[in-house]
Amino acid sequence: MTDRSNNPTEPELIAYLDGELASEEANSFESRLAEDSDLRDQLRQHQQVWDLLDSLPTTAVDDTFTHSTVELIAMSAKSEIDQQTRQVSQRRRLTWWIAGEVIVVAALLGFIVTRLIVSAPNRQLVKDLDILENLDAYRHAEDVEFLRALEREGLFSVETEDDL
């Protein structure tokens, strides 16, 4: 017996047996049937299966079967909806957490940058503190050369915390 899953004419053969082919397609298929004995054998086998299926007894299905089937479908749909609802709420929570973290990080960065900008002039004042403390004495100096000579003599060498 041939492997029917790899046979490209299988769907066409079933459509022919079900009467689903358009008239042109049906005529083309019948022409192929006239020429191809393997295709005729396949058609005959399918027709026998169809006939056997038709000879099977039909069972009557009561309302409880329909009701239980509908209940199963409804429960399945409800569980899918519940799962999707949980996923949506988890995504929302995650979005809020991420947004909160972004806000906190932005606030910290803003604080740090603001502190650096505001304290920049004060740093310069601290750096020039020695000069500011002795500003009155420097004003009495006649020129800058005089101050440089004093510096060469070591009169301005004061140890700071940075030098320690």
N, C-alpha and C. Protein backbone atom coordinates (compact mmCIF):
# COMPACT_ATOMS: atom_id res chain seq x y z
N MET A 1 0.85 -1.18 0.00
CA MET A 1 0.00 0.00 0.00
C MET A 1 0.89 1.24 0.00
N THR A 2 0.56 2.24 -0.75
CA THR A 2 1.38 3.44 -0.88
C THR A 2 1.16 4.37 0.31
N ASP A 3 2.16 5.19 0.57
CA ASP A 3 2.05 6.19 1.64
C ASP A 3 1.22 7.36 1.12
N ARG A 4 0.02 7.49 1.66
CA ARG A 4 -0.91 8.49 1.12
C ARG A 4 -0.59 9.91 1.58
N SER A 5 0.15 10.03 2.68
CA SER A 5 0.44 11.37 3.17
C SER A 5 1.37 12.12 2.22
N ASN A 6 2.15 11.39 1.42
CA ASN A 6 3.05 12.04 0.47
C ASN A 6 2.43 12.15 -0.92
N ASN A 7 1.21 11.67 -1.09
CA ASN A 7 0.55 11.65 -2.40
C ASN A 7 -0.16 12.99 -2.61
N PRO A 8 0.27 13.77 -3.62
CA PRO A 8 -0.35 15.08 -3.82
C PRO A 8 -1.77 14.99 -4.36
N THR A 9 -2.19 13.83 -4.90
CA THR A 9 -3.54 13.72 -5.47
C THR A 9 -4.57 13.31 -4.41
N GLU A 10 -4.12 13.00 -3.20
CA GLU A 10 -5.03 12.55 -2.14
C GLU A 10 -6.14 13.57 -1.86
N PRO A 11 -5.82 14.84 -1.60
CA PRO A 11 -6.91 15.80 -1.34
C PRO A 11 -7.83 15.96 -2.54
N GLU A 12 -7.26 15.91 -3.72
CA GLU A 12 -8.07 16.05 -4.93
C GLU A 12 -9.01 14.85 -5.09
N LEU A 13 -8.51 13.66 -4.75
CA LEU A 13 -9.31 12.44 -4.85
C LEU A 13 -10.48 12.49 -3.85
N ILE A 14 -10.20 12.94 -2.66
CA ILE A 14 -11.27 13.04 -1.65
C ILE A 14 -12.29 14.10 -2.07
N ALA A 15 -11.81 15.22 -2.60
CA ALA A 15 -12.72 16.26 -3.07
C ALA A 15 -13.59 15.73 -4.21
N TYR A 16 -13.02 14.89 -5.08
CA TYR A 16 -13.78 14.30 -6.19
C TYR A 16 -14.88 13.39 -5.65
N LEU A 17 -14.54 12.55 -4.66
CA LEU A 17 -15.53 11.64 -4.08
C LEU A 17 -16.64 12.41 -3.36
N ASP A 18 -16.28 13.53 -2.74
CA ASP A 18 -17.27 14.33 -2.03
C ASP A 18 -18.07 15.22 -2.97
N GLY A 19 -17.67 15.28 -4.24
CA GLY A 19 -18.36 16.13 -5.20
C GLY A 19 -18.05 17.60 -5.01
N GLU A 20 -16.87 17.91 -4.50
CA GLU A 20 -16.50 19.29 -4.21
C GLU A 20 -15.69 19.94 -5.32
N LEU A 21 -15.32 19.19 -6.36
CA LEU A 21 -14.53 19.77 -7.45
C LEU A 21 -15.44 20.53 -8.42
N ALA A 22 -14.91 21.63 -8.94
CA ALA A 22 -15.63 22.37 -9.98
C ALA A 22 -15.68 21.49 -11.23
N SER A 23 -16.57 21.82 -12.16
CA SER A 23 -16.76 20.95 -13.33
C SER A 23 -15.48 20.80 -14.14
N GLU A 24 -14.71 21.87 -14.33
CA GLU A 24 -13.44 21.76 -15.08
C GLU A 24 -12.45 20.86 -14.35
N GLU A 25 -12.36 21.05 -13.03
CA GLU A 25 -11.44 20.22 -12.25
C GLU A 25 -11.89 18.76 -12.27
N ALA A 26 -13.20 18.53 -12.18
CA ALA A 26 -13.73 17.16 -12.20
C ALA A 26 -13.44 16.51 -13.55
N ASN A 27 -13.63 17.25 -14.65
CA ASN A 27 -13.33 16.70 -15.99
C ASN A 27 -11.85 16.37 -16.12
N SER A 28 -10.99 17.25 -15.62
CA SER A 28 -9.55 17.01 -15.69
C SER A 28 -9.17 15.78 -14.86
N PHE A 29 -9.78 15.65 -13.68
CA PHE A 29 -9.49 14.51 -12.82
C PHE A 29 -9.97 13.21 -13.46
N GLU A 30 -11.14 13.25 -14.08
CA GLU A 30 -11.66 12.05 -14.75
C GLU A 30 -10.77 11.65 -15.92
N SER A 31 -10.20 12.61 -16.62
CA SER A 31 -9.26 12.30 -17.70
C SER A 31 -8.03 11.60 -17.13
N ARG A 32 -7.56 12.07 -16.00
CA ARG A 32 -6.41 11.42 -15.37
C ARG A 32 -6.77 10.01 -14.90
N LEU A 33 -8.01 9.84 -14.43
CA LEU A 33 -8.45 8.52 -14.00
C LEU A 33 -8.45 7.54 -15.17
N ALA A 34 -8.84 8.01 -16.34
CA ALA A 34 -8.90 7.15 -17.52
C ALA A 34 -7.51 6.69 -17.92
N GLU A 35 -6.48 7.49 -17.64
CA GLU A 35 -5.12 7.17 -18.08
C GLU A 35 -4.29 6.48 -17.00
N ASP A 36 -4.60 6.69 -15.73
CA ASP A 36 -3.73 6.23 -14.64
C ASP A 36 -4.42 5.13 -13.85
N SER A 37 -3.89 3.90 -13.95
CA SER A 37 -4.50 2.76 -13.26
C SER A 37 -4.26 2.84 -11.74
N ASP A 38 -3.12 3.38 -11.31
CA ASP A 38 -2.87 3.53 -9.87
C ASP A 38 -3.88 4.49 -9.25
N LEU A 39 -4.18 5.56 -9.95
CA LEU A 39 -5.16 6.52 -9.47
C LEU A 39 -6.55 5.87 -9.37
N ARG A 40 -6.88 5.03 -10.36
CA ARG A 40 -8.16 4.32 -10.31
C ARG A 40 -8.21 3.38 -9.12
N ASP A 41 -7.09 2.70 -8.83
CA ASP A 41 -7.04 1.81 -7.66
C ASP A 41 -7.25 2.60 -6.36
N GLN A 42 -6.61 3.75 -6.29
CA GLN A 42 -6.79 4.59 -5.10
C GLN A 42 -8.25 5.02 -4.97
N LEU A 43 -8.86 5.40 -6.08
CA LEU A 43 -10.26 5.81 -6.07
C LEU A 43 -11.14 4.65 -5.60
N ARG A 44 -10.87 3.46 -6.09
CA ARG A 44 -11.64 2.28 -5.72
C ARG A 44 -11.50 2.01 -4.21
N GLN A 45 -10.27 2.11 -3.68
CA GLN A 45 -10.04 1.89 -2.25
C GLN A 45 -10.79 2.93 -1.41
N HIS A 46 -10.71 4.17 -1.83
CA HIS A 46 -11.43 5.21 -1.10
C HIS A 46 -12.94 4.99 -1.15
N GLN A 47 -13.42 4.58 -2.30
CA GLN A 47 -14.86 4.34 -2.45
C GLN A 47 -15.30 3.21 -1.53
N GLN A 48 -14.46 2.16 -1.40
CA GLN A 48 -14.80 1.06 -0.50
C GLN A 48 -14.85 1.54 0.96
N VAL A 49 -13.89 2.39 1.32
CA VAL A 49 -13.88 2.93 2.69
C VAL A 49 -15.13 3.76 2.92
N TRP A 50 -15.50 4.58 1.92
CA TRP A 50 -16.71 5.40 2.03
C TRP A 50 -17.93 4.50 2.22
N ASP A 51 -18.00 3.43 1.42
CA ASP A 51 -19.14 2.51 1.52
C ASP A 51 -19.19 1.84 2.89
N LEU A 52 -18.01 1.44 3.41
CA LEU A 52 -17.97 0.82 4.73
C LEU A 52 -18.42 1.81 5.81
N LEU A 53 -17.99 3.04 5.67
CA LEU A 53 -18.41 4.05 6.64
C LEU A 53 -19.91 4.27 6.59
N ASP A 54 -20.46 4.23 5.39
CA ASP A 54 -21.91 4.40 5.26
C ASP A 54 -22.67 3.24 5.88
N SER A 55 -22.06 2.03 5.90
CA SER A 55 -22.76 0.86 6.43
C SER A 55 -22.69 0.78 7.96
N LEU A 56 -21.86 1.60 8.57
CA LEU A 56 -21.78 1.58 10.04
C LEU A 56 -23.09 2.09 10.63
N PRO A 57 -23.48 1.49 11.75
CA PRO A 57 -24.72 1.96 12.37
C PRO A 57 -24.50 3.35 12.98
N THR A 58 -25.52 4.13 12.89
CA THR A 58 -25.45 5.47 13.48
C THR A 58 -26.01 5.41 14.89
N THR A 59 -25.43 6.15 15.75
CA THR A 59 -25.91 6.17 17.13
C THR A 59 -26.59 7.50 17.39
N ALA A 60 -27.62 7.42 18.16
CA ALA A 60 -28.34 8.64 18.52
C ALA A 60 -27.64 9.27 19.72
N VAL A 61 -27.45 10.53 19.65
CA VAL A 61 -26.80 11.25 20.73
C VAL A 61 -27.88 12.03 21.48
N ASP A 62 -27.91 11.82 22.79
CA ASP A 62 -28.93 12.51 23.56
C ASP A 62 -28.44 13.90 23.99
N ASP A 63 -29.31 14.62 24.64
CA ASP A 63 -29.01 15.99 25.04
C ASP A 63 -27.89 16.07 26.08
N THR A 64 -27.74 15.04 26.89
CA THR A 64 -26.69 15.09 27.92
C THR A 64 -25.30 15.11 27.28
N PHE A 65 -25.14 14.38 26.17
CA PHE A 65 -23.85 14.40 25.47
C PHE A 65 -23.56 15.80 24.95
N THR A 66 -24.55 16.39 24.31
CA THR A 66 -24.38 17.75 23.79
C THR A 66 -24.11 18.71 24.94
N HIS A 67 -24.86 18.56 26.01
CA HIS A 67 -24.71 19.45 27.17
C HIS A 67 -23.31 19.32 27.77
N SER A 68 -22.83 18.07 27.94
CA SER A 68 -21.50 17.87 28.54
C SER A 68 -20.40 18.38 27.60
N THR A 69 -20.60 18.21 26.29
CA THR A 69 -19.61 18.72 25.34
C THR A 69 -19.54 20.25 25.40
N VAL A 70 -20.69 20.88 25.44
CA VAL A 70 -20.73 22.34 25.53
C VAL A 70 -20.11 22.80 26.85
N GLU A 71 -20.38 22.06 27.94
CA GLU A 71 -19.78 22.41 29.23
C GLU A 71 -18.26 22.33 29.17
N LEU A 72 -17.74 21.27 28.54
CA LEU A 72 -16.29 21.13 28.41
C LEU A 72 -15.69 22.29 27.63
N ILE A 73 -16.36 22.66 26.56
CA ILE A 73 -15.87 23.77 25.74
C ILE A 73 -15.92 25.07 26.54
N ALA A 74 -17.01 25.26 27.29
CA ALA A 74 -17.15 26.47 28.10
C ALA A 74 -16.08 26.52 29.18
N MET A 75 -15.81 25.39 29.83
CA MET A 75 -14.78 25.36 30.87
C MET A 75 -13.40 25.63 30.27
N SER A 76 -13.16 25.07 29.10
CA SER A 76 -11.89 25.30 28.42
C SER A 76 -11.74 26.78 28.07
N ALA A 77 -12.80 27.37 27.54
CA ALA A 77 -12.76 28.79 27.19
C ALA A 77 -12.57 29.64 28.44
N LYS A 78 -13.25 29.27 29.54
CA LYS A 78 -13.11 30.03 30.78
C LYS A 78 -11.67 29.95 31.30
N SER A 79 -11.07 28.76 31.25
CA SER A 79 -9.68 28.64 31.74
C SER A 79 -8.72 29.44 30.86
N GLU A 80 -8.97 29.48 29.55
CA GLU A 80 -8.14 30.30 28.67
C GLU A 80 -8.29 31.79 29.01
N ILE A 81 -9.52 32.21 29.25
CA ILE A 81 -9.77 33.62 29.59
C ILE A 81 -9.10 33.96 30.93
N ASP A 82 -9.22 33.03 31.91
CA ASP A 82 -8.58 33.27 33.20
C ASP A 82 -7.07 33.38 33.05
N GLN A 83 -6.49 32.50 32.24
CA GLN A 83 -5.04 32.53 32.03
C GLN A 83 -4.63 33.84 31.35
N GLN A 84 -5.38 34.26 30.34
CA GLN A 84 -5.05 35.51 29.66
C GLN A 84 -5.21 36.70 30.60
N THR A 85 -6.22 36.66 31.47
CA THR A 85 -6.42 37.74 32.44
C THR A 85 -5.25 37.81 33.40
N ARG A 86 -4.78 36.64 33.87
CA ARG A 86 -3.62 36.62 34.76
C ARG A 86 -2.39 37.18 34.05
N GLN A 87 -2.19 36.80 32.79
CA GLN A 87 -1.04 37.30 32.05
C GLN A 87 -1.11 38.81 31.87
N VAL A 88 -2.30 39.32 31.58
CA VAL A 88 -2.45 40.77 31.40
C VAL A 88 -2.15 41.49 32.72
N SER A 89 -2.68 40.97 33.83
CA SER A 89 -2.42 41.63 35.12
C SER A 89 -0.95 41.54 35.50
N GLN A 90 -0.29 40.44 35.18
CA GLN A 90 1.15 40.33 35.44
C GLN A 90 1.92 41.33 34.60
N ARG A 91 1.53 41.48 33.34
CA ARG A 91 2.22 42.46 32.48
C ARG A 91 2.01 43.87 33.01
N ARG A 92 0.80 44.17 33.47
CA ARG A 92 0.53 45.51 34.02
C ARG A 92 1.38 45.77 35.25
N ARG A 93 1.42 44.77 36.16
CA ARG A 93 2.24 44.92 37.36
C ARG A 93 3.71 45.14 37.00
N LEU A 94 4.20 44.36 36.06
CA LEU A 94 5.59 44.50 35.63
C LEU A 94 5.83 45.88 35.03
N THR A 95 4.88 46.36 34.24
CA THR A 95 5.01 47.69 33.64
C THR A 95 5.07 48.76 34.73
N TRP A 96 4.21 48.65 35.75
CA TRP A 96 4.22 49.63 36.84
C TRP A 96 5.53 49.57 37.63
N TRP A 97 6.03 48.36 37.88
CA TRP A 97 7.30 48.23 38.59
C TRP A 97 8.43 48.87 37.79
N ILE A 98 8.47 48.60 36.51
CA ILE A 98 9.52 49.18 35.67
C ILE A 98 9.39 50.69 35.64
N ALA A 99 8.17 51.19 35.50
CA ALA A 99 7.96 52.64 35.48
C ALA A 99 8.40 53.25 36.81
N GLY A 100 8.08 52.61 37.91
CA GLY A 100 8.51 53.10 39.23
C GLY A 100 10.02 53.12 39.37
N GLU A 101 10.66 52.05 38.91
CA GLU A 101 12.12 52.00 38.98
C GLU A 101 12.75 53.08 38.11
N VAL A 102 12.19 53.31 36.94
CA VAL A 102 12.71 54.37 36.06
C VAL A 102 12.57 55.73 36.73
N ILE A 103 11.44 55.96 37.40
CA ILE A 103 11.23 57.24 38.08
C ILE A 103 12.24 57.41 39.22
N VAL A 104 12.46 56.34 40.00
CA VAL A 104 13.42 56.42 41.11
C VAL A 104 14.83 56.70 40.58
N VAL A 105 15.23 55.99 39.54
CA VAL A 105 16.57 56.20 38.96
C VAL A 105 16.69 57.62 38.42
N ALA A 106 15.65 58.10 37.74
CA ALA A 106 15.69 59.47 37.21
C ALA A 106 15.78 60.49 38.34
N ALA A 107 15.05 60.26 39.43
CA ALA A 107 15.11 61.18 40.57
C ALA A 107 16.51 61.18 41.19
N LEU A 108 17.10 60.00 41.36
CA LEU A 108 18.46 59.93 41.91
C LEU A 108 19.46 60.64 41.01
N LEU A 109 19.37 60.39 39.72
CA LEU A 109 20.28 61.07 38.78
C LEU A 109 20.07 62.57 38.83
N GLY A 110 18.83 63.01 38.89
CA GLY A 110 18.55 64.45 38.98
C GLY A 110 19.14 65.04 40.25
N PHE A 111 19.00 64.33 41.37
CA PHE A 111 19.57 64.80 42.63
C PHE A 111 21.09 64.92 42.54
N ILE A 112 21.73 63.88 42.02
CA ILE A 112 23.20 63.88 41.92
C ILE A 112 23.68 65.00 41.02
N VAL A 113 23.07 65.13 39.85
CA VAL A 113 23.48 66.18 38.90
C VAL A 113 23.25 67.56 39.50
N THR A 114 22.11 67.76 40.14
CA THR A 114 21.81 69.06 40.76
C THR A 114 22.81 69.37 41.87
N ARG A 115 23.12 68.40 42.67
CA ARG A 115 24.09 68.61 43.76
C ARG A 115 25.46 68.97 43.20
N LEU A 116 25.88 68.30 42.13
CA LEU A 116 27.17 68.62 41.52
C LEU A 116 27.18 70.03 40.95
N ILE A 117 26.09 70.40 40.30
CA ILE A 117 26.03 71.73 39.68
C ILE A 117 25.99 72.82 40.75
N VAL A 118 25.19 72.62 41.79
CA VAL A 118 25.05 73.63 42.83
C VAL A 118 26.34 73.76 43.65
N SER A 119 27.03 72.66 43.90
CA SER A 119 28.23 72.72 44.74
C SER A 119 29.49 73.10 43.96
N ALA A 120 29.43 73.22 42.64
CA ALA A 120 30.62 73.56 41.84
C ALA A 120 31.23 74.89 42.26
N PRO A 121 30.47 75.98 42.42
CA PRO A 121 31.09 77.25 42.85
C PRO A 121 31.71 77.14 44.25
N ASN A 122 31.08 76.37 45.13
CA ASN A 122 31.63 76.20 46.47
C ASN A 122 32.96 75.46 46.44
N ARG A 123 33.11 74.52 45.56
CA ARG A 123 34.38 73.80 45.43
C ARG A 123 35.50 74.76 45.06
N GLN A 124 35.20 75.68 44.15
CA GLN A 124 36.20 76.66 43.74
C GLN A 124 36.56 77.57 44.92
N LEU A 125 35.57 77.93 45.73
CA LEU A 125 35.85 78.76 46.91
C LEU A 125 36.73 78.01 47.91
N VAL A 126 36.45 76.73 48.13
CA VAL A 126 37.27 75.92 49.04
C VAL A 126 38.69 75.81 48.51
N LYS A 127 38.82 75.67 47.21
CA LYS A 127 40.15 75.56 46.59
C LYS A 127 40.94 76.86 46.79
N ASP A 128 40.26 77.97 46.72
CA ASP A 128 40.93 79.28 46.84
C ASP A 128 40.86 79.83 48.27
N LEU A 129 40.54 78.99 49.25
CA LEU A 129 40.36 79.45 50.63
C LEU A 129 41.61 80.12 51.20
N ASP A 130 42.79 79.56 50.93
CA ASP A 130 44.03 80.16 51.45
C ASP A 130 44.20 81.58 50.95
N ILE A 131 43.90 81.78 49.69
CA ILE A 131 44.04 83.12 49.11
C ILE A 131 43.02 84.06 49.74
N LEU A 132 41.79 83.58 49.91
CA LEU A 132 40.74 84.43 50.47
C LEU A 132 41.03 84.81 51.93
N GLU A 133 41.60 83.87 52.69
CA GLU A 133 41.91 84.16 54.09
C GLU A 133 42.99 85.24 54.21
N ASN A 134 43.90 85.29 53.26
CA ASN A 134 45.01 86.25 53.31
C ASN A 134 44.84 87.39 52.30
N LEU A 135 43.64 87.59 51.84
CA LEU A 135 43.40 88.59 50.80
C LEU A 135 43.80 90.00 51.25
N ASP A 136 43.53 90.34 52.49
CA ASP A 136 43.90 91.67 52.98
C ASP A 136 45.42 91.86 52.94
N ALA A 137 46.16 90.81 53.30
CA ALA A 137 47.63 90.92 53.28
C ALA A 137 48.13 91.05 51.84
N TYR A 138 47.49 90.35 50.92
CA TYR A 138 47.93 90.40 49.52
C TYR A 138 47.66 91.77 48.91
N ARG A 139 46.69 92.46 49.37
CA ARG A 139 46.36 93.78 48.80
C ARG A 139 47.46 94.80 49.10
N HIS A 140 48.18 94.58 50.15
CA HIS A 140 49.25 95.52 50.51
C HIS A 140 50.52 95.25 49.71
N ALA A 141 50.58 94.16 49.01
CA ALA A 141 51.76 93.86 48.19
C ALA A 141 51.76 94.79 47.00
N GLU A 142 52.96 95.23 46.61
CA GLU A 142 53.05 96.20 45.53
C GLU A 142 52.80 95.58 44.16
N ASP A 143 53.31 94.38 43.94
CA ASP A 143 53.11 93.73 42.64
C ASP A 143 53.16 92.22 42.81
N VAL A 144 52.90 91.53 41.74
CA VAL A 144 52.85 90.07 41.75
C VAL A 144 54.25 89.49 41.94
N GLU A 145 55.28 90.16 41.45
CA GLU A 145 56.65 89.67 41.59
C GLU A 145 57.04 89.56 43.06
N PHE A 146 56.57 90.50 43.84
CA PHE A 146 56.86 90.47 45.27
C PHE A 146 56.25 89.22 45.91
N LEU A 147 55.02 88.90 45.52
CA LEU A 147 54.34 87.71 46.05
C LEU A 147 55.05 86.43 45.60
N ARG A 148 55.52 86.41 44.39
CA ARG A 148 56.23 85.23 43.88
C ARG A 148 57.54 85.03 44.65
N ALA A 149 58.20 86.11 44.96
CA ALA A 149 59.45 86.01 45.72
C ALA A 149 59.17 85.45 47.11
N LEU A 150 58.06 85.88 47.72
CA LEU A 150 57.70 85.34 49.03
C LEU A 150 57.38 83.85 48.95
N GLU A 151 56.75 83.47 47.86
CA GLU A 151 56.43 82.04 47.68
C GLU A 151 57.70 81.23 47.53
N ARG A 152 58.69 81.75 46.80
CA ARG A 152 59.97 81.04 46.63
C ARG A 152 60.68 80.87 47.98
N GLU A 153 60.49 81.79 48.86
CA GLU A 153 61.11 81.73 50.18
C GLU A 153 60.41 80.71 51.08
N GLY A 154 59.24 80.22 50.63
CA GLY A 154 58.51 79.21 51.40
C GLY A 154 57.57 79.79 52.43
N LEU A 155 57.26 81.02 52.30
CA LEU A 155 56.36 81.65 53.27
C LEU A 155 54.90 81.22 53.08
N PHE A 156 54.58 80.75 51.89
CA PHE A 156 53.18 80.37 51.62
C PHE A 156 52.96 78.86 51.71
N SER A 157 53.94 78.10 52.11
CA SER A 157 53.76 76.65 52.13
C SER A 157 52.99 76.26 53.39
N VAL A 158 51.73 75.98 53.22
CA VAL A 158 50.85 75.56 54.31
C VAL A 158 50.36 74.17 53.96
N GLU A 159 50.47 73.26 54.92
CA GLU A 159 49.99 71.91 54.66
C GLU A 159 48.46 71.90 54.72
N THR A 160 47.86 71.25 53.72
CA THR A 160 46.41 71.10 53.71
C THR A 160 46.09 69.64 53.94
N GLU A 161 44.82 69.33 54.10
CA GLU A 161 44.40 67.94 54.30
C GLU A 161 44.72 67.10 53.08
N ASP A 162 44.72 67.71 51.89
CA ASP A 162 45.01 66.97 50.66
C ASP A 162 46.47 66.55 50.61
N ASP A 163 47.37 67.35 51.23
CA ASP A 163 48.80 67.04 51.19
C ASP A 163 49.17 65.94 52.16
N LEU A 164 48.38 65.68 53.16
CA LEU A 164 48.71 64.68 54.18
C LEU A 164 48.63 63.30 53.67
